[in-house]
Amino acid sequence: MAGAPQMEVITSEPCPFCHHKTLTLRQAEREVPYFGNVVLFSMDCDHCKYHKSDLELEQSAGRPIKHAFSLASEEDLRVRVVKSSTATIRVPRIGSIEPGETANGYIT
């Protein structure tokens, strides 16, 4: 796949839950329109099936960033969402997605 992000992989790390050395760590950088460079992280344990994923915007440097998007047409429902594990997504009159201990980051 052309333009695929280069993935760094570290295997056989100790899992923070079961402590077996079956954890795989993955990290990649990806350019996302309107957000810039995004660093993607994940951890997966082959023994206990623990999974954690997250992402960080390089430009935020740890500071909270607010992005607002208004839907104007049906086409806007196809927008890509970039969410870290600490982000909150609010949709007026529908609900919200709140961060928590088990929250993961993702790009839709």
PDB file of N, CA and C in Angstrom:
ATOM      1  N   MET A   1       0.858  -1.174   0.000  1.00  0.00           N
ATOM      2  CA  MET A   1       0.000   0.000   0.000  1.00  0.00           C
ATOM      3  C   MET A   1       0.898   1.230   0.000  1.00  0.00           C
ATOM      4  N   ALA A   2       0.771   2.080  -0.982  1.00  0.00           N
ATOM      5  CA  ALA A   2       1.582   3.279  -1.094  1.00  0.00           C
ATOM      6  C   ALA A   2       1.230   4.266   0.004  1.00  0.00           C
ATOM      7  N   GLY A   3       2.252   4.863   0.594  1.00  0.00           N
ATOM      8  CA  GLY A   3       2.023   5.876   1.616  1.00  0.00           C
ATOM      9  C   GLY A   3       1.632   5.321   2.973  1.00  0.00           C
ATOM     10  N   ALA A   4       1.726   4.008   3.154  1.00  0.00           N
ATOM     11  CA  ALA A   4       1.375   3.414   4.446  1.00  0.00           C
ATOM     12  C   ALA A   4       2.385   3.859   5.498  1.00  0.00           C
ATOM     13  N   PRO A   5       1.915   4.132   6.724  1.00  0.00           N
ATOM     14  CA  PRO A   5       2.842   4.565   7.769  1.00  0.00           C
ATOM     15  C   PRO A   5       3.826   3.457   8.134  1.00  0.00           C
ATOM     16  N   GLN A   6       5.068   3.847   8.439  1.00  0.00           N
ATOM     17  CA  GLN A   6       6.084   2.897   8.890  1.00  0.00           C
ATOM     18  C   GLN A   6       5.778   2.518  10.334  1.00  0.00           C
ATOM     19  N   MET A   7       5.567   1.247  10.596  1.00  0.00           N
ATOM     20  CA  MET A   7       5.180   0.763  11.916  1.00  0.00           C
ATOM     21  C   MET A   7       6.412   0.257  12.667  1.00  0.00           C
ATOM     22  N   GLU A   8       6.629   0.774  13.875  1.00  0.00           N
ATOM     23  CA  GLU A   8       7.663   0.248  14.770  1.00  0.00           C
ATOM     24  C   GLU A   8       6.995  -0.789  15.661  1.00  0.00           C
ATOM     25  N   VAL A   9       7.609  -1.963  15.803  1.00  0.00           N
ATOM     26  CA  VAL A   9       7.022  -3.049  16.593  1.00  0.00           C
ATOM     27  C   VAL A   9       8.055  -3.576  17.591  1.00  0.00           C
ATOM     28  N   ILE A  10       7.637  -3.715  18.842  1.00  0.00           N
ATOM     29  CA  ILE A  10       8.461  -4.318  19.891  1.00  0.00           C
ATOM     30  C   ILE A  10       7.653  -5.469  20.472  1.00  0.00           C
ATOM     31  N   THR A  11       8.229  -6.666  20.483  1.00  0.00           N
ATOM     32  CA  THR A  11       7.514  -7.850  20.965  1.00  0.00           C
ATOM     33  C   THR A  11       8.108  -8.356  22.282  1.00  0.00           C
ATOM     34  N   SER A  12       7.398  -9.291  22.885  1.00  0.00           N
ATOM     35  CA  SER A  12       7.838 -10.000  24.092  1.00  0.00           C
ATOM     36  C   SER A  12       8.084  -9.086  25.289  1.00  0.00           C
ATOM     37  N   GLU A  13       7.272  -8.052  25.420  1.00  0.00           N
ATOM     38  CA  GLU A  13       7.348  -7.153  26.572  1.00  0.00           C
ATOM     39  C   GLU A  13       6.410  -7.666  27.667  1.00  0.00           C
ATOM     40  N   PRO A  14       6.668  -7.345  28.948  1.00  0.00           N
ATOM     41  CA  PRO A  14       5.767  -7.787  30.016  1.00  0.00           C
ATOM     42  C   PRO A  14       4.431  -7.038  29.971  1.00  0.00           C
ATOM     43  N   CYS A  15       3.348  -7.782  30.066  1.00  0.00           N
ATOM     44  CA  CYS A  15       2.006  -7.200  30.070  1.00  0.00           C
ATOM     45  C   CYS A  15       1.747  -6.546  31.430  1.00  0.00           C
ATOM     46  N   PRO A  16       1.149  -5.339  31.462  1.00  0.00           N
ATOM     47  CA  PRO A  16       0.878  -4.684  32.742  1.00  0.00           C
ATOM     48  C   PRO A  16      -0.209  -5.386  33.569  1.00  0.00           C
ATOM     49  N   PHE A  17      -0.950  -6.324  32.961  1.00  0.00           N
ATOM     50  CA  PHE A  17      -2.018  -7.014  33.688  1.00  0.00           C
ATOM     51  C   PHE A  17      -1.656  -8.445  34.066  1.00  0.00           C
ATOM     52  N   CYS A  18      -1.254  -9.265  33.103  1.00  0.00           N
ATOM     53  CA  CYS A  18      -0.959 -10.671  33.418  1.00  0.00           C
ATOM     54  C   CYS A  18       0.529 -10.917  33.680  1.00  0.00           C
ATOM     55  N   HIS A  19       1.379  -9.946  33.355  1.00  0.00           N
ATOM     56  CA  HIS A  19       2.825  -9.984  33.589  1.00  0.00           C
ATOM     57  C   HIS A  19       3.576 -11.010  32.742  1.00  0.00           C
ATOM     58  N   HIS A  20       2.898 -11.685  31.816  1.00  0.00           N
ATOM     59  CA  HIS A  20       3.593 -12.567  30.878  1.00  0.00           C
ATOM     60  C   HIS A  20       4.312 -11.697  29.848  1.00  0.00           C
ATOM     61  N   LYS A  21       5.401 -12.186  29.320  1.00  0.00           N
ATOM     62  CA  LYS A  21       6.153 -11.432  28.305  1.00  0.00           C
ATOM     63  C   LYS A  21       5.568 -11.719  26.922  1.00  0.00           C
ATOM     64  N   THR A  22       4.290 -11.371  26.774  1.00  0.00           N
ATOM     65  CA  THR A  22       3.571 -11.635  25.529  1.00  0.00           C
ATOM     66  C   THR A  22       2.926 -10.367  24.972  1.00  0.00           C
ATOM     67  N   LEU A  23       3.410  -9.212  25.411  1.00  0.00           N
ATOM     68  CA  LEU A  23       2.849  -7.928  24.979  1.00  0.00           C
ATOM     69  C   LEU A  23       3.592  -7.433  23.744  1.00  0.00           C
ATOM     70  N   THR A  24       2.832  -6.974  22.755  1.00  0.00           N
ATOM     71  CA  THR A  24       3.403  -6.368  21.554  1.00  0.00           C
ATOM     72  C   THR A  24       3.053  -4.891  21.547  1.00  0.00           C
ATOM     73  N   LEU A  25       4.067  -4.056  21.395  1.00  0.00           N
ATOM     74  CA  LEU A  25       3.896  -2.604  21.312  1.00  0.00           C
ATOM     75  C   LEU A  25       4.064  -2.180  19.862  1.00  0.00           C
ATOM     76  N   ARG A  26       3.182  -1.294  19.404  1.00  0.00           N
ATOM     77  CA  ARG A  26       3.266  -0.775  18.036  1.00  0.00           C
ATOM     78  C   ARG A  26       3.165   0.745  18.072  1.00  0.00           C
ATOM     79  N   GLN A  27       3.922   1.399  17.176  1.00  0.00           N
ATOM     80  CA  GLN A  27       3.868   2.857  17.067  1.00  0.00           C
ATOM     81  C   GLN A  27       4.085   3.235  15.610  1.00  0.00           C
ATOM     82  N   ALA A  28       3.297   4.202  15.143  1.00  0.00           N
ATOM     83  CA  ALA A  28       3.439   4.708  13.778  1.00  0.00           C
ATOM     84  C   ALA A  28       3.050   6.176  13.751  1.00  0.00           C
ATOM     85  N   GLU A  29       3.601   6.897  12.794  1.00  0.00           N
ATOM     86  CA  GLU A  29       3.215   8.289  12.573  1.00  0.00           C
ATOM     87  C   GLU A  29       2.429   8.357  11.276  1.00  0.00           C
ATOM     88  N   ARG A  30       1.451   9.246  11.269  1.00  0.00           N
ATOM     89  CA  ARG A  30       0.592   9.372  10.085  1.00  0.00           C
ATOM     90  C   ARG A  30       0.161  10.824   9.942  1.00  0.00           C
ATOM     91  N   GLU A  31       0.162  11.323   8.730  1.00  0.00           N
ATOM     92  CA  GLU A  31      -0.311  12.678   8.434  1.00  0.00           C
ATOM     93  C   GLU A  31      -1.821  12.611   8.221  1.00  0.00           C
ATOM     94  N   VAL A  32      -2.562  13.396   9.008  1.00  0.00           N
ATOM     95  CA  VAL A  32      -4.019  13.406   8.924  1.00  0.00           C
ATOM     96  C   VAL A  32      -4.462  14.816   8.532  1.00  0.00           C
ATOM     97  N   PRO A  33      -5.223  14.959   7.425  1.00  0.00           N
ATOM     98  CA  PRO A  33      -5.673  16.293   7.000  1.00  0.00           C
ATOM     99  C   PRO A  33      -6.367  17.048   8.138  1.00  0.00           C
ATOM    100  N   TYR A  34      -6.085  18.331   8.254  1.00  0.00           N
ATOM    101  CA  TYR A  34      -6.632  19.258   9.254  1.00  0.00           C
ATOM    102  C   TYR A  34      -6.044  19.071  10.659  1.00  0.00           C
ATOM    103  N   PHE A  35      -5.341  17.977  10.908  1.00  0.00           N
ATOM    104  CA  PHE A  35      -4.777  17.708  12.230  1.00  0.00           C
ATOM    105  C   PHE A  35      -3.258  17.687  12.232  1.00  0.00           C
ATOM    106  N   GLY A  36      -2.653  17.433  11.073  1.00  0.00           N
ATOM    107  CA  GLY A  36      -1.196  17.360  11.004  1.00  0.00           C
ATOM    108  C   GLY A  36      -0.688  15.973  11.331  1.00  0.00           C
ATOM    109  N   ASN A  37       0.527  15.921  11.876  1.00  0.00           N
ATOM    110  CA  ASN A  37       1.163  14.650  12.183  1.00  0.00           C
ATOM    111  C   ASN A  37       0.546  14.049  13.450  1.00  0.00           C
ATOM    112  N   VAL A  38       0.139  12.776  13.351  1.00  0.00           N
ATOM    113  CA  VAL A  38      -0.479  12.055  14.463  1.00  0.00           C
ATOM    114  C   VAL A  38       0.386  10.832  14.761  1.00  0.00           C
ATOM    115  N   VAL A  39       0.666  10.588  16.040  1.00  0.00           N
ATOM    116  CA  VAL A  39       1.406   9.400  16.459  1.00  0.00           C
ATOM    117  C   VAL A  39       0.397   8.401  17.018  1.00  0.00           C
ATOM    118  N   LEU A  40       0.372   7.197  16.442  1.00  0.00           N
ATOM    119  CA  LEU A  40      -0.549   6.128  16.841  1.00  0.00           C
ATOM    120  C   LEU A  40       0.207   5.107  17.686  1.00  0.00           C
ATOM    121  N   PHE A  41      -0.389   4.677  18.795  1.00  0.00           N
ATOM    122  CA  PHE A  41       0.214   3.693  19.688  1.00  0.00           C
ATOM    123  C   PHE A  41      -0.767   2.556  19.922  1.00  0.00           C
ATOM    124  N   SER A  42      -0.257   1.342  20.119  1.00  0.00           N
ATOM    125  CA  SER A  42      -1.123   0.254  20.577  1.00  0.00           C
ATOM    126  C   SER A  42      -0.316  -0.765  21.365  1.00  0.00           C
ATOM    127  N   MET A  43      -1.011  -1.474  22.261  1.00  0.00           N
ATOM    128  CA  MET A  43      -0.451  -2.566  23.055  1.00  0.00           C
ATOM    129  C   MET A  43      -1.435  -3.725  22.980  1.00  0.00           C
ATOM    130  N   ASP A  44      -0.931  -4.918  22.685  1.00  0.00           N
ATOM    131  CA  ASP A  44      -1.769  -6.112  22.611  1.00  0.00           C
ATOM    132  C   ASP A  44      -1.054  -7.274  23.285  1.00  0.00           C
ATOM    133  N   CYS A  45      -1.745  -7.949  24.207  1.00  0.00           N
ATOM    134  CA  CYS A  45      -1.179  -9.110  24.891  1.00  0.00           C
ATOM    135  C   CYS A  45      -1.773 -10.386  24.296  1.00  0.00           C
ATOM    136  N   ASP A  46      -0.898 -11.280  23.840  1.00  0.00           N
ATOM    137  CA  ASP A  46      -1.348 -12.554  23.280  1.00  0.00           C
ATOM    138  C   ASP A  46      -1.868 -13.506  24.355  1.00  0.00           C
ATOM    139  N   HIS A  47      -1.474 -13.311  25.601  1.00  0.00           N
ATOM    140  CA  HIS A  47      -1.888 -14.225  26.671  1.00  0.00           C
ATOM    141  C   HIS A  47      -3.260 -13.869  27.243  1.00  0.00           C
ATOM    142  N   CYS A  48      -3.415 -12.638  27.748  1.00  0.00           N
ATOM    143  CA  CYS A  48      -4.683 -12.264  28.410  1.00  0.00           C
ATOM    144  C   CYS A  48      -5.604 -11.429  27.517  1.00  0.00           C
ATOM    145  N   LYS A  49      -5.152 -11.102  26.308  1.00  0.00           N
ATOM    146  CA  LYS A  49      -5.925 -10.338  25.311  1.00  0.00           C
ATOM    147  C   LYS A  49      -6.127  -8.871  25.695  1.00  0.00           C
ATOM    148  N   TYR A  50      -5.303  -8.366  26.622  1.00  0.00           N
ATOM    149  CA  TYR A  50      -5.342  -6.933  26.943  1.00  0.00           C
ATOM    150  C   TYR A  50      -5.067  -6.138  25.674  1.00  0.00           C
ATOM    151  N   HIS A  51      -5.809  -5.041  25.499  1.00  0.00           N
ATOM    152  CA  HIS A  51      -5.604  -4.161  24.341  1.00  0.00           C
ATOM    153  C   HIS A  51      -5.750  -2.715  24.786  1.00  0.00           C
ATOM    154  N   LYS A  52      -4.865  -1.885  24.318  1.00  0.00           N
ATOM    155  CA  LYS A  52      -4.950  -0.442  24.553  1.00  0.00           C
ATOM    156  C   LYS A  52      -4.410   0.253  23.315  1.00  0.00           C
ATOM    157  N   SER A  53      -5.139   1.259  22.842  1.00  0.00           N
ATOM    158  CA  SER A  53      -4.657   2.057  21.714  1.00  0.00           C
ATOM    159  C   SER A  53      -4.889   3.523  22.029  1.00  0.00           C
ATOM    160  N   ASP A  54      -4.055   4.361  21.455  1.00  0.00           N
ATOM    161  CA  ASP A  54      -4.202   5.795  21.663  1.00  0.00           C
ATOM    162  C   ASP A  54      -3.497   6.524  20.538  1.00  0.00           C
ATOM    163  N   LEU A  55      -3.706   7.821  20.501  1.00  0.00           N
ATOM    164  CA  LEU A  55      -3.015   8.659  19.531  1.00  0.00           C
ATOM    165  C   LEU A  55      -2.764  10.019  20.139  1.00  0.00           C
ATOM    166  N   GLU A  56      -1.750  10.681  19.619  1.00  0.00           N
ATOM    167  CA  GLU A  56      -1.411  12.029  20.058  1.00  0.00           C
ATOM    168  C   GLU A  56      -1.182  12.892  18.837  1.00  0.00           C
ATOM    169  N   LEU A  57      -1.689  14.114  18.895  1.00  0.00           N
ATOM    170  CA  LEU A  57      -1.408  15.087  17.851  1.00  0.00           C
ATOM    171  C   LEU A  57      -0.061  15.706  18.161  1.00  0.00           C
ATOM    172  N   GLU A  58       0.838  15.670  17.204  1.00  0.00           N
ATOM    173  CA  GLU A  58       2.168  16.219  17.428  1.00  0.00           C
ATOM    174  C   GLU A  58       2.113  17.705  17.769  1.00  0.00           C
ATOM    175  N   GLN A  59       1.192  18.435  17.153  1.00  0.00           N
ATOM    176  CA  GLN A  59       1.118  19.884  17.344  1.00  0.00           C
ATOM    177  C   GLN A  59       0.588  20.289  18.715  1.00  0.00           C
ATOM    178  N   SER A  60      -0.090  19.394  19.430  1.00  0.00           N
ATOM    179  CA  SER A  60      -0.707  19.785  20.699  1.00  0.00           C
ATOM    180  C   SER A  60       0.285  19.872  21.846  1.00  0.00           C
ATOM    181  N   ALA A  61       1.381  19.135  21.788  1.00  0.00           N
ATOM    182  CA  ALA A  61       2.409  19.127  22.838  1.00  0.00           C
ATOM    183  C   ALA A  61       1.793  18.925  24.219  1.00  0.00           C
ATOM    184  N   GLY A  62       0.765  18.067  24.320  1.00  0.00           N
ATOM    185  CA  GLY A  62       0.143  17.762  25.600  1.00  0.00           C
ATOM    186  C   GLY A  62      -0.938  18.730  26.044  1.00  0.00           C
ATOM    187  N   ARG A  63      -1.147  19.801  25.298  1.00  0.00           N
ATOM    188  CA  ARG A  63      -2.188  20.779  25.648  1.00  0.00           C
ATOM    189  C   ARG A  63      -3.526  20.331  25.056  1.00  0.00           C
ATOM    190  N   PRO A  64      -4.620  20.546  25.776  1.00  0.00           N
ATOM    191  CA  PRO A  64      -5.941  20.226  25.216  1.00  0.00           C
ATOM    192  C   PRO A  64      -6.229  21.096  23.991  1.00  0.00           C
ATOM    193  N   ILE A  65      -6.873  20.508  23.011  1.00  0.00           N
ATOM    194  CA  ILE A  65      -7.266  21.228  21.797  1.00  0.00           C
ATOM    195  C   ILE A  65      -8.751  20.984  21.580  1.00  0.00           C
ATOM    196  N   LYS A  66      -9.479  22.029  21.232  1.00  0.00           N
ATOM    197  CA  LYS A  66     -10.905  21.891  20.949  1.00  0.00           C
ATOM    198  C   LYS A  66     -11.124  22.056  19.449  1.00  0.00           C
ATOM    199  N   HIS A  67     -11.838  21.094  18.868  1.00  0.00           N
ATOM    200  CA  HIS A  67     -12.249  21.169  17.471  1.00  0.00           C
ATOM    201  C   HIS A  67     -13.767  21.086  17.443  1.00  0.00           C
ATOM    202  N   ALA A  68     -14.403  21.951  16.679  1.00  0.00           N
ATOM    203  CA  ALA A  68     -15.860  21.930  16.536  1.00  0.00           C
ATOM    204  C   ALA A  68     -16.190  21.725  15.067  1.00  0.00           C
ATOM    205  N   PHE A  69     -17.237  20.961  14.824  1.00  0.00           N
ATOM    206  CA  PHE A  69     -17.655  20.667  13.455  1.00  0.00           C
ATOM    207  C   PHE A  69     -19.173  20.692  13.408  1.00  0.00           C
ATOM    208  N   SER A  70     -19.732  21.467  12.499  1.00  0.00           N
ATOM    209  CA  SER A  70     -21.186  21.540  12.330  1.00  0.00           C
ATOM    210  C   SER A  70     -21.585  20.797  11.068  1.00  0.00           C
ATOM    211  N   LEU A  71     -22.602  19.969  11.193  1.00  0.00           N
ATOM    212  CA  LEU A  71     -23.120  19.244  10.035  1.00  0.00           C
ATOM    213  C   LEU A  71     -24.031  20.155   9.232  1.00  0.00           C
ATOM    214  N   ALA A  72     -23.761  20.244   7.942  1.00  0.00           N
ATOM    215  CA  ALA A  72     -24.587  21.070   7.070  1.00  0.00           C
ATOM    216  C   ALA A  72     -25.288  20.236   6.000  1.00  0.00           C
ATOM    217  N   SER A  73     -24.798  19.014   5.771  1.00  0.00           N
ATOM    218  CA  SER A  73     -25.401  18.162   4.746  1.00  0.00           C
ATOM    219  C   SER A  73     -25.191  16.694   5.113  1.00  0.00           C
ATOM    220  N   GLU A  74     -25.862  15.819   4.397  1.00  0.00           N
ATOM    221  CA  GLU A  74     -25.704  14.387   4.621  1.00  0.00           C
ATOM    222  C   GLU A  74     -24.261  13.954   4.360  1.00  0.00           C
ATOM    223  N   GLU A  75     -23.605  14.592   3.420  1.00  0.00           N
ATOM    224  CA  GLU A  75     -22.203  14.294   3.104  1.00  0.00           C
ATOM    225  C   GLU A  75     -21.300  14.503   4.329  1.00  0.00           C
ATOM    226  N   ASP A  76     -21.650  15.456   5.188  1.00  0.00           N
ATOM    227  CA  ASP A  76     -20.853  15.733   6.390  1.00  0.00           C
ATOM    228  C   ASP A  76     -20.845  14.557   7.366  1.00  0.00           C
ATOM    229  N   LEU A  77     -21.787  13.626   7.248  1.00  0.00           N
ATOM    230  CA  LEU A  77     -21.811  12.450   8.112  1.00  0.00           C
ATOM    231  C   LEU A  77     -20.654  11.505   7.806  1.00  0.00           C
ATOM    232  N   ARG A  78     -19.971  11.724   6.695  1.00  0.00           N
ATOM    233  CA  ARG A  78     -18.834  10.890   6.295  1.00  0.00           C
ATOM    234  C   ARG A  78     -17.498  11.456   6.780  1.00  0.00           C
ATOM    235  N   VAL A  79     -17.536  12.465   7.627  1.00  0.00           N
ATOM    236  CA  VAL A  79     -16.320  13.113   8.116  1.00  0.00           C
ATOM    237  C   VAL A  79     -15.480  12.126   8.935  1.00  0.00           C
ATOM    238  N   ARG A  80     -14.178  12.266   8.847  1.00  0.00           N
ATOM    239  CA  ARG A  80     -13.257  11.428   9.620  1.00  0.00           C
ATOM    240  C   ARG A  80     -13.112  12.016  11.022  1.00  0.00           C
ATOM    241  N   VAL A  81     -13.216  11.157  12.031  1.00  0.00           N
ATOM    242  CA  VAL A  81     -13.078  11.577  13.426  1.00  0.00           C
ATOM    243  C   VAL A  81     -11.734  11.074  13.950  1.00  0.00           C
ATOM    244  N   VAL A  82     -10.970  11.981  14.556  1.00  0.00           N
ATOM    245  CA  VAL A  82      -9.697  11.646  15.190  1.00  0.00           C
ATOM    246  C   VAL A  82      -9.897  11.878  16.682  1.00  0.00           C
ATOM    247  N   LYS A  83      -9.822  10.801  17.482  1.00  0.00           N
ATOM    248  CA  LYS A  83     -10.130  10.896  18.916  1.00  0.00           C
ATOM    249  C   LYS A  83      -9.051  10.209  19.746  1.00  0.00           C
ATOM    250  N   SER A  84      -8.489  10.932  20.715  1.00  0.00           N
ATOM    251  CA  SER A  84      -7.553  10.311  21.653  1.00  0.00           C
ATOM    252  C   SER A  84      -8.350   9.670  22.787  1.00  0.00           C
ATOM    253  N   SER A  85      -7.671   8.903  23.621  1.00  0.00           N
ATOM    254  CA  SER A  85      -8.363   8.229  24.727  1.00  0.00           C
ATOM    255  C   SER A  85      -8.878   9.208  25.776  1.00  0.00           C
ATOM    256  N   THR A  86      -8.371  10.434  25.794  1.00  0.00           N
ATOM    257  CA  THR A  86      -8.813  11.424  26.780  1.00  0.00           C
ATOM    258  C   THR A  86      -9.805  12.431  26.204  1.00  0.00           C
ATOM    259  N   ALA A  87     -10.158  12.272  24.940  1.00  0.00           N
ATOM    260  CA  ALA A  87     -11.068  13.218  24.284  1.00  0.00           C
ATOM    261  C   ALA A  87     -12.523  12.925  24.627  1.00  0.00           C
ATOM    262  N   THR A  88     -13.331  13.970  24.581  1.00  0.00           N
ATOM    263  CA  THR A  88     -14.779  13.853  24.725  1.00  0.00           C
ATOM    264  C   THR A  88     -15.408  14.288  23.410  1.00  0.00           C
ATOM    265  N   ILE A  89     -16.342  13.494  22.921  1.00  0.00           N
ATOM    266  CA  ILE A  89     -17.088  13.860  21.714  1.00  0.00           C
ATOM    267  C   ILE A  89     -18.520  14.136  22.145  1.00  0.00           C
ATOM    268  N   ARG A  90     -19.020  15.320  21.807  1.00  0.00           N
ATOM    269  CA  ARG A  90     -20.400  15.692  22.155  1.00  0.00           C
ATOM    270  C   ARG A  90     -21.194  15.918  20.874  1.00  0.00           C
ATOM    271  N   VAL A  91     -22.362  15.299  20.832  1.00  0.00           N
ATOM    272  CA  VAL A  91     -23.288  15.491  19.722  1.00  0.00           C
ATOM    273  C   VAL A  91     -24.576  16.031  20.340  1.00  0.00           C
ATOM    274  N   PRO A  92     -24.868  17.326  20.133  1.00  0.00           N
ATOM    275  CA  PRO A  92     -26.060  17.924  20.745  1.00  0.00           C
ATOM    276  C   PRO A  92     -27.328  17.123  20.432  1.00  0.00           C
ATOM    277  N   ARG A  93     -28.181  16.997  21.424  1.00  0.00           N
ATOM    278  CA  ARG A  93     -29.470  16.306  21.342  1.00  0.00           C
ATOM    279  C   ARG A  93     -29.342  14.799  21.108  1.00  0.00           C
ATOM    280  N   ILE A  94     -28.117  14.274  21.070  1.00  0.00           N
ATOM    281  CA  ILE A  94     -27.943  12.829  20.901  1.00  0.00           C
ATOM    282  C   ILE A  94     -27.196  12.232  22.085  1.00  0.00           C
ATOM    283  N   GLY A  95     -26.056  12.794  22.453  1.00  0.00           N
ATOM    284  CA  GLY A  95     -25.280  12.260  23.574  1.00  0.00           C
ATOM    285  C   GLY A  95     -23.817  12.604  23.437  1.00  0.00           C
ATOM    286  N   SER A  96     -23.001  11.895  24.213  1.00  0.00           N
ATOM    287  CA  SER A  96     -21.566  12.152  24.176  1.00  0.00           C
ATOM    288  C   SER A  96     -20.793  10.866  24.408  1.00  0.00           C
ATOM    289  N   ILE A  97     -19.533  10.876  24.002  1.00  0.00           N
ATOM    290  CA  ILE A  97     -18.590   9.798  24.266  1.00  0.00           C
ATOM    291  C   ILE A  97     -17.573  10.385  25.229  1.00  0.00           C
ATOM    292  N   GLU A  98     -17.560   9.872  26.460  1.00  0.00           N
ATOM    293  CA  GLU A  98     -16.699  10.407  27.518  1.00  0.00           C
ATOM    294  C   GLU A  98     -15.460   9.529  27.690  1.00  0.00           C
ATOM    295  N   PRO A  99     -14.320  10.138  28.047  1.00  0.00           N
ATOM    296  CA  PRO A  99     -13.124   9.334  28.306  1.00  0.00           C
ATOM    297  C   PRO A  99     -13.251   8.582  29.623  1.00  0.00           C
ATOM    298  N   GLY A 100     -12.517   7.503  29.747  1.00  0.00           N
ATOM    299  CA  GLY A 100     -12.493   6.714  30.972  1.00  0.00           C
ATOM    300  C   GLY A 100     -11.259   5.837  30.985  1.00  0.00           C
ATOM    301  N   GLU A 101     -11.120   5.009  32.019  1.00  0.00           N
ATOM    302  CA  GLU A 101      -9.933   4.160  32.151  1.00  0.00           C
ATOM    303  C   GLU A 101      -9.725   3.233  30.966  1.00  0.00           C
ATOM    304  N   THR A 102     -10.802   2.735  30.394  1.00  0.00           N
ATOM    305  CA  THR A 102     -10.676   1.769  29.301  1.00  0.00           C
ATOM    306  C   THR A 102     -10.844   2.401  27.925  1.00  0.00           C
ATOM    307  N   ALA A 103     -10.914   3.728  27.857  1.00  0.00           N
ATOM    308  CA  ALA A 103     -11.100   4.405  26.569  1.00  0.00           C
ATOM    309  C   ALA A 103      -9.875   4.214  25.679  1.00  0.00           C
ATOM    310  N   ASN A 104     -10.124   4.086  24.393  1.00  0.00           N
ATOM    311  CA  ASN A 104      -9.061   3.968  23.403  1.00  0.00           C
ATOM    312  C   ASN A 104      -9.113   5.155  22.459  1.00  0.00           C
ATOM    313  N   GLY A 105      -7.992   5.468  21.860  1.00  0.00           N
ATOM    314  CA  GLY A 105      -7.953   6.464  20.804  1.00  0.00           C
ATOM    315  C   GLY A 105      -8.180   5.780  19.467  1.00  0.00           C
ATOM    316  N   TYR A 106      -8.674   6.525  18.495  1.00  0.00           N
ATOM    317  CA  TYR A 106      -8.912   5.940  17.179  1.00  0.00           C
ATOM    318  C   TYR A 106      -9.077   7.012  16.115  1.00  0.00           C
ATOM    319  N   ILE A 107      -8.971   6.574  14.872  1.00  0.00           N
ATOM    320  CA  ILE A 107      -9.298   7.383  13.696  1.00  0.00           C
ATOM    321  C   ILE A 107     -10.349   6.592  12.941  1.00  0.00           C
ATOM    322  N   THR A 108     -11.506   7.210  12.676  1.00  0.00           N
ATOM    323  CA  THR A 108     -12.571   6.484  11.976  1.00  0.00           C
ATOM    324  C   THR A 108     -12.259   6.353  10.504  1.00  0.00           C
TER     325      THR A 108
END
